[in-house]
Amino acid sequence: MSTREQNGDPDVGAAYLAFTLLSLLVLANVKKPMAGAVLLVFNFLHFVYHLTMLHMYEPPDQVLNVVLLSLLVVMSIMLVIPARRTE
C-alpha cells in the first residue's frame, strides 16, 4: 500500500466533506429524496468497491467494512423513500 493510499487522497477527503454538507442539508429536510439518491449512488459504488478489496484487510476490518458500508447504503435508501404524511 502506498503512502498516498494510507494517508488518503485529498480529492477523496474533499468528496467526504461535500457529502457531509449534503447530509446536513438532508437532515434539515432540503430536497431529501434528491440528496438521498446522490448519497445512494455514492454509497453503493463505494460499498461495491470495498467488497472487491476485502482481501487487503484483516478479518475484523473485513467485517466492519461490510457491516458499516452496507448500513450507509440502507440509510441512503431510507432517504429516497418518501415519508408518509399524517393529517
C-alpha atoms as a PDB file:
ATOM      1  CA  MET A   1       0.000   0.000   0.000  1.00  0.00           C
ATOM      2  CA  SER A   2       1.462   3.361  -0.964  1.00  0.00           C
ATOM      3  CA  THR A   3       1.819   6.306   1.399  1.00  0.00           C
ATOM      4  CA  ARG A   4      -0.838   8.177  -0.582  1.00  0.00           C
ATOM      5  CA  GLU A   5      -3.288   5.299  -0.104  1.00  0.00           C
ATOM      6  CA  GLN A   6      -2.527   5.114   3.609  1.00  0.00           C
ATOM      7  CA  ASN A   7      -2.926   8.850   4.205  1.00  0.00           C
ATOM      8  CA  GLY A   8      -5.944   9.243   1.950  1.00  0.00           C
ATOM      9  CA  ASP A   9      -6.245  11.103  -1.306  1.00  0.00           C
ATOM     10  CA  PRO A  10      -7.097  14.804  -0.790  1.00  0.00           C
ATOM     11  CA  ASP A  11      -9.756  14.543  -3.507  1.00  0.00           C
ATOM     12  CA  VAL A  12     -11.489  11.806  -1.532  1.00  0.00           C
ATOM     13  CA  GLY A  13     -11.349  13.968   1.586  1.00  0.00           C
ATOM     14  CA  ALA A  14     -12.989  16.815  -0.313  1.00  0.00           C
ATOM     15  CA  ALA A  15     -15.703  14.448  -1.517  1.00  0.00           C
ATOM     16  CA  TYR A  16     -16.406  13.352   2.046  1.00  0.00           C
ATOM     17  CA  LEU A  17     -16.640  16.960   3.202  1.00  0.00           C
ATOM     18  CA  ALA A  18     -19.122  17.647   0.403  1.00  0.00           C
ATOM     19  CA  PHE A  19     -21.170  14.586   1.357  1.00  0.00           C
ATOM     20  CA  THR A  20     -21.118  15.692   4.992  1.00  0.00           C
ATOM     21  CA  LEU A  21     -22.618  19.034   3.970  1.00  0.00           C
ATOM     22  CA  LEU A  22     -25.172  17.262   1.788  1.00  0.00           C
ATOM     23  CA  SER A  23     -26.103  15.016   4.724  1.00  0.00           C
ATOM     24  CA  LEU A  24     -26.581  18.027   6.997  1.00  0.00           C
ATOM     25  CA  LEU A  25     -28.840  19.621   4.394  1.00  0.00           C
ATOM     26  CA  VAL A  26     -30.842  16.407   4.203  1.00  0.00           C
ATOM     27  CA  LEU A  27     -31.280  16.468   7.963  1.00  0.00           C
ATOM     28  CA  ALA A  28     -32.699  19.974   7.540  1.00  0.00           C
ATOM     29  CA  ASN A  29     -35.213  18.471   5.028  1.00  0.00           C
ATOM     30  CA  VAL A  30     -33.851  20.265   1.994  1.00  0.00           C
ATOM     31  CA  LYS A  31     -34.630  18.162  -1.102  1.00  0.00           C
ATOM     32  CA  LYS A  32     -34.446  14.944   0.891  1.00  0.00           C
ATOM     33  CA  PRO A  33     -35.218  12.398  -1.898  1.00  0.00           C
ATOM     34  CA  MET A  34     -32.815  14.025  -4.353  1.00  0.00           C
ATOM     35  CA  ALA A  35     -29.989  14.178  -1.819  1.00  0.00           C
ATOM     36  CA  GLY A  36     -30.745  10.593  -0.798  1.00  0.00           C
ATOM     37  CA  ALA A  37     -30.385   9.490  -4.418  1.00  0.00           C
ATOM     38  CA  VAL A  38     -26.987  11.182  -4.665  1.00  0.00           C
ATOM     39  CA  LEU A  39     -25.837   9.547  -1.439  1.00  0.00           C
ATOM     40  CA  LEU A  40     -27.223   6.186  -2.563  1.00  0.00           C
ATOM     41  CA  VAL A  41     -25.212   6.212  -5.789  1.00  0.00           C
ATOM     42  CA  PHE A  42     -22.012   7.132  -3.964  1.00  0.00           C
ATOM     43  CA  ASN A  43     -22.502   4.759  -1.034  1.00  0.00           C
ATOM     44  CA  PHE A  44     -23.477   1.821  -3.247  1.00  0.00           C
ATOM     45  CA  LEU A  45     -20.471   2.241  -5.550  1.00  0.00           C
ATOM     46  CA  HIS A  46     -18.198   2.761  -2.547  1.00  0.00           C
ATOM     47  CA  PHE A  47     -19.607  -0.413  -0.942  1.00  0.00           C
ATOM     48  CA  VAL A  48     -19.063  -2.471  -4.121  1.00  0.00           C
ATOM     49  CA  TYR A  49     -15.505  -1.165  -4.463  1.00  0.00           C
ATOM     50  CA  HIS A  50     -14.645  -2.168  -0.898  1.00  0.00           C
ATOM     51  CA  LEU A  51     -16.210  -5.607  -1.382  1.00  0.00           C
ATOM     52  CA  THR A  52     -13.664  -6.216  -4.134  1.00  0.00           C
ATOM     53  CA  MET A  53     -10.837  -5.097  -1.828  1.00  0.00           C
ATOM     54  CA  LEU A  54     -11.675  -7.152   1.282  1.00  0.00           C
ATOM     55  CA  HIS A  55      -8.664  -9.396   0.721  1.00  0.00           C
ATOM     56  CA  MET A  56      -6.427  -6.475   1.754  1.00  0.00           C
ATOM     57  CA  TYR A  57      -7.852  -6.332   5.281  1.00  0.00           C
ATOM     58  CA  GLU A  58      -7.674  -8.460   8.410  1.00  0.00           C
ATOM     59  CA  PRO A  59     -10.899 -10.353   9.307  1.00  0.00           C
ATOM     60  CA  PRO A  60     -12.163  -7.803  11.885  1.00  0.00           C
ATOM     61  CA  ASP A  61     -11.699  -4.991   9.361  1.00  0.00           C
ATOM     62  CA  GLN A  62     -13.422  -7.055   6.677  1.00  0.00           C
ATOM     63  CA  VAL A  63     -16.476  -7.461   8.896  1.00  0.00           C
ATOM     64  CA  LEU A  64     -16.516  -3.773   9.838  1.00  0.00           C
ATOM     65  CA  ASN A  65     -16.218  -2.727   6.190  1.00  0.00           C
ATOM     66  CA  VAL A  66     -19.151  -4.893   5.119  1.00  0.00           C
ATOM     67  CA  VAL A  67     -21.383  -4.006   8.076  1.00  0.00           C
ATOM     68  CA  LEU A  68     -20.789  -0.251   8.187  1.00  0.00           C
ATOM     69  CA  LEU A  69     -20.774   0.345   4.442  1.00  0.00           C
ATOM     70  CA  SER A  70     -23.947  -1.718   3.992  1.00  0.00           C
ATOM     71  CA  LEU A  71     -25.595   0.372   6.730  1.00  0.00           C
ATOM     72  CA  LEU A  72     -24.726   3.508   4.761  1.00  0.00           C
ATOM     73  CA  VAL A  73     -26.425   2.013   1.697  1.00  0.00           C
ATOM     74  CA  VAL A  74     -29.529   1.152   3.743  1.00  0.00           C
ATOM     75  CA  MET A  75     -29.662   4.650   5.281  1.00  0.00           C
ATOM     76  CA  SER A  76     -29.324   6.176   1.808  1.00  0.00           C
ATOM     77  CA  ILE A  77     -32.252   4.072   0.595  1.00  0.00           C
ATOM     78  CA  MET A  78     -34.292   5.329   3.548  1.00  0.00           C
ATOM     79  CA  LEU A  79     -33.675   8.918   2.425  1.00  0.00           C
ATOM     80  CA  VAL A  80     -35.004   8.179  -1.061  1.00  0.00           C
ATOM     81  CA  ILE A  81     -38.264   6.677   0.191  1.00  0.00           C
ATOM     82  CA  PRO A  82     -40.826   9.456   0.684  1.00  0.00           C
ATOM     83  CA  ALA A  83     -42.102   9.922   4.223  1.00  0.00           C
ATOM     84  CA  ARG A  84     -45.750   9.163   4.964  1.00  0.00           C
ATOM     85  CA  ARG A  85     -47.809  12.234   5.576  1.00  0.00           C
ATOM     86  CA  THR A  86     -50.077  12.170   8.594  1.00  0.00           C
ATOM     87  CA  GLU A  87     -53.001  14.512   8.509  1.00  0.00           C
END
